[in-house]
Amino acid sequence: MERSKKKVLLFYCVEAEDLARKVAAQSNLIQLQSINWRNFADGFPNLFIKNAHDIRGQHVAFLGSFSSPSVIFEQLSVIYALPMLFCASFSVVLPFFPTGSFERIEEEGDVATAFTLARMLSNTPISRGGPTSLVIYDIHALQERFYFGDSILPVFESGIPLLKERLQQLPESDKIVVAFPDDGAWKRFHKLLDHFPMVICNKVREGDKRIVRIKEGNPAGCHVVIVDDLVQSGGTLIECQKVLAAQGAAKVSAYVTHGVFPKKSWERFVHKNDNVSGKAFAHFWISDSCPLTVEAITGKAPFEVLSLARSISDALQI
């Protein structure tokens, strides 16, 4: 017997408005709601949840984007407020968990900010329906689920199905090899991509330099797609591309779920007519988990955005 689907009232932060509209377009059961995102003269948030009485007894969700520390406080304020308005259940969708790569303490004095942010989210009040569901895509380390307290239920989803669907649409889909820039990426994703031939790269130290080399696999004659959870400066991807091309790859593309690209580092990948090296990547796929990046790279080759909208719509029915 098919379980009946629920109507969801979806609130969202300013940055995530485009993605929220795409999510709502996936189902007539998802209805967008509004928040006034204002500030007092001193810069602190002056927030107002519209039609607060109407969400009583309703299933409610919030789509967030923690793109910088400056926006986290105002969004946490809303996240803490919504479940206290007597909603039937509450879900938070945070496609990118920004401190996920800072999860280890390698020497005394290191601060694992992944744990800090997990504790902040774990303090979300319980709604009438129980603990809050927290949907995150391709978190950097799966063990981070244990950083969250019992009052929140992390749901870890992946953008890899979007990549697989896109690769099947390519004319040379039978000549694709998936490459991982390091063992960590292989551990995260190889089970989701195990029907593709694989190449595993690693970094070795030579003096003061870290050199990327191929550890396993053969890229010769194939379209090689480098897969990782996120990109920052892009240096590792570029070094991987050089090694793969030198070993005979017909062309090289890349996929990351989270295109962070601080300080406009995406610019080094953009195809330029007068720069052959700038066309090193045939395709560069990212999801829309980082809205500011999506806005910046739209219409610029080789970038293509694979939207999480359908996946988020499905996740809201969990």
Protein backbone atom coordinates (compact mmCIF):
# COMPACT_ATOMS: atom_id res chain seq x y z
CA MET A 1 0.00 0.00 0.00
CA GLU A 2 1.50 3.35 -1.06
CA ARG A 3 2.00 5.79 1.79
CA SER A 4 0.10 9.04 1.32
CA LYS A 5 2.31 12.07 0.75
CA LYS A 6 2.21 15.09 3.02
CA LYS A 7 1.80 18.77 2.24
CA VAL A 8 4.93 20.71 3.23
CA LEU A 9 5.22 24.43 3.92
CA LEU A 10 8.70 25.41 2.77
CA PHE A 11 10.47 28.46 4.18
CA TYR A 12 13.85 29.52 2.81
CA CYS A 13 16.70 31.97 3.26
CA VAL A 14 17.34 34.77 0.77
CA GLU A 15 20.22 33.00 -0.98
CA ALA A 16 18.23 29.81 -1.49
CA GLU A 17 15.18 31.41 -3.12
CA ASP A 18 15.92 30.12 -6.64
CA LEU A 19 16.48 26.58 -5.38
CA ALA A 20 13.35 26.78 -3.20
CA ARG A 21 11.26 27.74 -6.24
CA LYS A 22 12.70 24.80 -8.16
CA VAL A 23 11.87 22.46 -5.26
CA ALA A 24 8.30 23.76 -5.11
CA ALA A 25 7.94 23.26 -8.87
CA GLN A 26 8.55 19.53 -8.36
CA SER A 27 5.32 18.97 -6.43
CA ASN A 28 2.04 20.77 -5.79
CA LEU A 29 2.31 19.47 -2.22
CA ILE A 30 5.18 21.89 -1.50
CA GLN A 31 4.03 25.44 -0.79
CA LEU A 32 6.51 28.29 -0.45
CA GLN A 33 6.25 30.54 2.60
CA SER A 34 7.76 33.93 3.37
CA ILE A 35 10.06 35.45 5.97
CA ASN A 36 10.96 39.12 6.28
CA TRP A 37 14.75 39.15 6.48
CA ARG A 38 15.41 42.59 7.92
CA ASN A 39 18.11 44.13 10.12
CA PHE A 40 18.09 46.68 12.89
CA ALA A 41 20.30 49.74 12.59
CA ASP A 42 23.07 47.98 14.51
CA GLY A 43 23.11 45.14 11.94
CA PHE A 44 21.51 42.44 14.05
CA PRO A 45 18.58 40.53 12.51
CA ASN A 46 15.02 41.82 12.72
CA LEU A 47 13.13 38.77 11.49
CA PHE A 48 9.43 38.10 10.98
CA ILE A 49 7.80 34.79 9.99
CA LYS A 50 4.70 35.62 7.98
CA ASN A 51 1.38 33.85 8.68
CA ALA A 52 2.81 32.13 11.74
CA HIS A 53 -0.66 31.04 12.95
CA ASP A 54 -1.26 29.18 9.69
CA ILE A 55 1.59 26.71 10.23
CA ARG A 56 0.04 25.18 13.34
CA GLY A 57 -0.49 21.49 12.73
CA GLN A 58 1.33 21.66 9.37
CA HIS A 59 4.50 19.92 8.16
CA VAL A 60 7.14 22.62 7.91
CA ALA A 61 10.62 22.75 6.34
CA PHE A 62 13.38 25.33 6.05
CA LEU A 63 15.89 25.48 3.18
CA GLY A 64 19.11 27.09 4.37
CA SER A 65 22.46 28.15 2.98
CA PHE A 66 25.29 28.65 5.48
CA SER A 67 27.53 30.34 2.93
CA SER A 68 29.38 32.46 5.51
CA PRO A 69 29.44 32.95 9.29
CA SER A 70 27.60 36.26 8.82
CA VAL A 71 24.35 34.56 7.74
CA ILE A 72 24.37 31.58 10.09
CA PHE A 73 23.02 33.47 13.13
CA GLU A 74 19.92 34.81 11.38
CA GLN A 75 19.11 31.43 9.84
CA LEU A 76 19.61 29.58 13.13
CA SER A 77 17.22 32.08 14.74
CA VAL A 78 14.53 31.06 12.25
CA ILE A 79 15.38 27.35 12.57
CA TYR A 80 14.95 27.59 16.35
CA ALA A 81 11.68 29.53 16.04
CA LEU A 82 9.74 27.48 13.47
CA PRO A 83 9.28 24.21 15.43
CA MET A 84 7.98 26.22 18.42
CA LEU A 85 5.00 27.43 16.36
CA PHE A 86 3.20 24.11 16.94
CA CYS A 87 3.99 22.59 13.54
CA ALA A 88 3.27 18.87 13.07
CA SER A 89 6.86 18.16 12.03
CA PHE A 90 9.95 20.14 11.13
CA SER A 91 12.74 19.49 8.61
CA VAL A 92 15.84 21.52 7.84
CA VAL A 93 17.49 21.14 4.43
CA LEU A 94 21.10 22.30 4.53
CA PRO A 95 22.51 21.03 1.22
CA PHE A 96 26.08 22.03 2.11
CA PHE A 97 27.43 21.52 5.64
CA PRO A 98 30.19 24.11 5.40
CA THR A 99 32.47 23.09 8.26
CA GLY A 100 32.37 19.41 7.31
CA SER A 101 36.02 19.32 6.24
CA PHE A 102 37.14 20.59 9.66
CA GLU A 103 36.21 17.45 11.54
CA ARG A 104 39.58 16.25 12.83
CA ILE A 105 41.87 17.26 15.66
CA GLU A 106 45.40 16.48 14.52
CA GLU A 107 47.17 18.28 17.34
CA GLU A 108 46.20 19.77 20.66
CA GLY A 109 44.67 23.17 20.06
CA ASP A 110 42.85 22.36 16.81
CA VAL A 111 39.17 23.30 16.90
CA ALA A 112 36.83 20.89 15.10
CA THR A 113 34.24 23.41 13.90
CA ALA A 114 32.20 20.62 12.29
CA PHE A 115 31.38 19.51 15.82
CA THR A 116 30.55 23.11 16.85
CA LEU A 117 28.04 23.59 14.03
CA ALA A 118 26.54 20.15 14.66
CA ARG A 119 25.97 21.09 18.31
CA MET A 120 24.31 24.36 17.30
CA LEU A 121 21.92 22.53 14.97
CA SER A 122 21.31 19.85 17.60
CA ASN A 123 19.80 22.51 19.86
CA THR A 124 16.87 22.94 17.46
CA PRO A 125 13.71 22.60 19.59
CA ILE A 126 11.66 19.44 19.17
CA SER A 127 8.41 19.97 17.27
CA ARG A 128 5.07 18.32 18.05
CA GLY A 129 6.09 15.53 15.69
CA GLY A 130 9.38 14.79 17.44
CA PRO A 131 13.03 15.48 16.54
CA THR A 132 13.91 17.67 13.57
CA SER A 133 15.07 16.00 10.36
CA LEU A 134 18.27 17.53 8.95
CA VAL A 135 18.95 16.80 5.26
CA ILE A 136 22.59 17.22 4.16
CA TYR A 137 24.19 16.30 0.84
CA ASP A 138 27.56 14.57 0.59
CA ILE A 139 28.90 15.54 3.98
CA HIS A 140 32.69 15.42 4.01
CA ALA A 141 32.98 12.59 6.54
CA LEU A 142 30.21 10.13 7.40
CA GLN A 143 31.37 9.84 11.00
CA GLU A 144 30.09 13.38 11.49
CA ARG A 145 26.61 11.90 12.00
CA PHE A 146 27.81 11.13 15.53
CA TYR A 147 28.46 14.83 16.20
CA PHE A 148 24.72 15.49 16.29
CA GLY A 149 22.62 15.11 19.43
CA ASP A 150 19.52 12.99 19.87
CA SER A 151 17.13 15.89 19.28
CA ILE A 152 17.97 16.02 15.57
CA LEU A 153 17.97 13.27 12.95
CA PRO A 154 20.58 13.79 10.21
CA VAL A 155 19.59 12.42 6.81
CA PHE A 156 22.59 12.08 4.51
CA GLU A 157 21.76 12.26 0.81
CA SER A 158 24.03 12.38 -2.24
CA GLY A 159 24.28 14.29 -5.48
CA ILE A 160 25.93 11.33 -7.22
CA PRO A 161 22.63 10.07 -8.75
CA LEU A 162 22.45 13.40 -10.61
CA LEU A 163 25.92 12.80 -12.04
CA LYS A 164 25.09 9.24 -13.08
CA GLU A 165 21.97 10.44 -14.87
CA ARG A 166 23.98 13.12 -16.69
CA LEU A 167 26.76 10.74 -17.71
CA GLN A 168 24.23 8.38 -19.26
CA GLN A 169 23.17 11.22 -21.56
CA LEU A 170 26.66 11.69 -22.99
CA PRO A 171 27.31 10.22 -26.46
CA GLU A 172 30.45 8.39 -25.27
CA SER A 173 28.88 7.02 -22.09
CA ASP A 174 30.50 3.63 -22.70
CA LYS A 175 33.98 5.20 -22.63
CA ILE A 176 33.74 6.91 -19.24
CA VAL A 177 36.19 6.28 -16.42
CA VAL A 178 35.64 7.74 -12.96
CA ALA A 179 38.70 9.13 -11.18
CA PHE A 180 39.10 10.00 -7.51
CA PRO A 181 41.66 12.59 -6.43
CA ASP A 182 42.51 10.70 -3.25
CA ASP A 183 41.58 7.69 -1.13
CA GLY A 184 39.06 9.76 0.84
CA ALA A 185 36.99 10.49 -2.26
CA TRP A 186 37.17 6.82 -3.26
CA LYS A 187 35.89 5.73 0.16
CA ARG A 188 33.00 8.20 -0.02
CA PHE A 189 31.78 7.44 -3.52
CA HIS A 190 33.09 4.22 -5.07
CA LYS A 191 30.09 2.12 -4.02
CA LEU A 192 27.75 4.56 -5.79
CA LEU A 193 29.82 4.40 -8.98
CA ASP A 194 31.04 0.81 -8.97
CA HIS A 195 29.76 0.04 -12.50
CA PHE A 196 32.34 2.46 -13.97
CA PRO A 197 36.02 1.66 -14.45
CA MET A 198 38.00 3.62 -11.87
CA VAL A 199 41.25 5.49 -11.44
CA ILE A 200 42.53 6.42 -7.99
CA CYS A 201 45.03 9.22 -7.58
CA ASN A 202 47.02 10.17 -4.50
CA LYS A 203 49.36 12.89 -3.33
CA VAL A 204 52.96 12.10 -2.51
CA ARG A 205 55.45 14.47 -0.93
CA GLU A 206 58.64 15.23 -2.81
CA GLY A 207 60.66 17.70 -0.81
CA ASP A 208 58.44 20.70 -0.16
CA LYS A 209 56.02 19.80 -2.95
CA ARG A 210 52.98 17.50 -2.99
CA ILE A 211 52.80 15.66 -6.30
CA VAL A 212 49.63 14.00 -7.65
CA ARG A 213 50.16 10.54 -9.12
CA ILE A 214 47.98 7.72 -10.35
CA LYS A 215 47.78 4.97 -7.75
CA GLU A 216 45.45 2.56 -9.60
CA GLY A 217 43.69 2.32 -12.95
CA ASN A 218 44.28 3.31 -16.57
CA PRO A 219 42.77 6.47 -18.08
CA ALA A 220 44.16 5.96 -21.61
CA GLY A 221 41.71 6.69 -24.43
CA CYS A 222 38.78 7.42 -22.13
CA HIS A 223 36.68 10.36 -20.98
CA VAL A 224 37.77 10.61 -17.35
CA VAL A 225 35.47 12.27 -14.81
CA ILE A 226 37.10 13.35 -11.56
CA VAL A 227 34.63 13.03 -8.65
CA ASP A 228 34.85 14.66 -5.22
CA ASP A 229 32.50 16.08 -2.61
CA LEU A 230 33.68 19.69 -2.82
CA VAL A 231 36.13 22.08 -4.42
CA GLN A 232 37.84 25.06 -2.84
CA SER A 233 40.77 26.52 -4.79
CA GLY A 234 40.67 23.71 -7.37
CA GLY A 235 44.40 23.10 -7.23
CA THR A 236 44.10 19.37 -6.67
CA LEU A 237 41.64 18.96 -9.56
CA ILE A 238 43.98 20.81 -11.90
CA GLU A 239 46.94 18.66 -10.90
CA CYS A 240 44.83 15.51 -11.36
CA GLN A 241 43.78 16.68 -14.82
CA LYS A 242 47.41 17.18 -15.85
CA VAL A 243 48.38 13.69 -14.69
CA LEU A 244 45.38 12.03 -16.36
CA ALA A 245 45.99 13.85 -19.64
CA ALA A 246 49.67 12.88 -19.54
CA GLN A 247 48.63 9.25 -19.12
CA GLY A 248 46.49 9.33 -22.26
CA ALA A 249 43.01 10.42 -21.17
CA ALA A 250 41.04 11.49 -24.26
CA LYS A 251 39.41 14.25 -22.21
CA VAL A 252 38.90 15.11 -18.58
CA SER A 253 35.81 16.45 -16.78
CA ALA A 254 34.99 17.01 -13.12
CA TYR A 255 32.05 16.71 -10.75
CA VAL A 256 31.75 18.07 -7.22
CA THR A 257 28.55 18.33 -5.24
CA HIS A 258 29.64 21.54 -3.53
CA GLY A 259 31.28 24.24 -5.63
CA VAL A 260 32.59 26.41 -2.81
CA PHE A 261 35.19 28.32 -4.89
CA PRO A 262 36.27 31.03 -2.40
CA LYS A 263 37.75 34.23 -3.85
CA LYS A 264 36.30 33.47 -7.29
CA SER A 265 38.63 30.50 -7.74
CA TRP A 266 36.15 29.14 -10.33
CA GLU A 267 37.65 31.64 -12.76
CA ARG A 268 40.71 29.44 -13.33
CA PHE A 269 38.45 26.79 -14.93
CA VAL A 270 36.51 29.04 -17.31
CA HIS A 271 37.10 28.44 -21.01
CA LYS A 272 38.86 31.40 -22.59
CA ASN A 273 39.36 31.76 -26.34
CA ASP A 274 42.96 32.87 -25.89
CA ASN A 275 43.88 30.33 -23.24
CA VAL A 276 44.19 26.70 -24.31
CA SER A 277 45.08 25.54 -20.81
CA GLY A 278 41.80 27.05 -19.59
CA LYS A 279 39.97 24.38 -21.61
CA ALA A 280 41.61 21.54 -19.75
CA PHE A 281 38.18 20.41 -18.47
CA ALA A 282 35.56 19.41 -21.03
CA HIS A 283 32.75 19.61 -18.46
CA PHE A 284 32.60 20.78 -14.87
CA TRP A 285 29.40 19.72 -13.11
CA ILE A 286 28.32 21.08 -9.74
CA SER A 287 25.05 20.96 -7.83
CA ASP A 288 23.18 24.06 -6.68
CA SER A 289 24.10 23.50 -3.02
CA CYS A 290 26.12 26.75 -3.01
CA PRO A 291 23.76 29.40 -4.47
CA LEU A 292 26.33 32.20 -4.68
CA THR A 293 28.58 30.05 -6.86
CA VAL A 294 25.66 29.07 -9.09
CA GLU A 295 24.87 32.73 -9.64
CA ALA A 296 28.51 33.44 -10.53
CA ILE A 297 29.15 30.59 -12.99
CA THR A 298 25.82 30.45 -14.84
CA GLY A 299 26.42 30.56 -18.58
CA LYS A 300 30.17 30.07 -18.28
CA ALA A 301 31.73 26.99 -19.92
CA PRO A 302 32.64 24.36 -18.85
CA PHE A 303 30.28 24.71 -15.89
CA GLU A 304 26.89 23.03 -15.76
CA VAL A 305 24.57 22.96 -12.74
CA LEU A 306 22.80 19.72 -11.81
CA SER A 307 19.93 20.77 -9.56
CA LEU A 308 19.16 19.05 -6.27
CA ALA A 309 15.54 20.24 -6.49
CA ARG A 310 13.94 16.88 -7.28
CA SER A 311 16.03 15.10 -4.66
CA ILE A 312 15.14 17.67 -2.00
CA SER A 313 11.46 17.39 -2.90
CA ASP A 314 11.68 13.63 -2.36
CA ALA A 315 13.63 14.05 0.88
CA LEU A 316 10.88 16.26 2.32
CA GLN A 317 8.55 13.26 2.11
CA ILE A 318 10.75 11.09 4.34
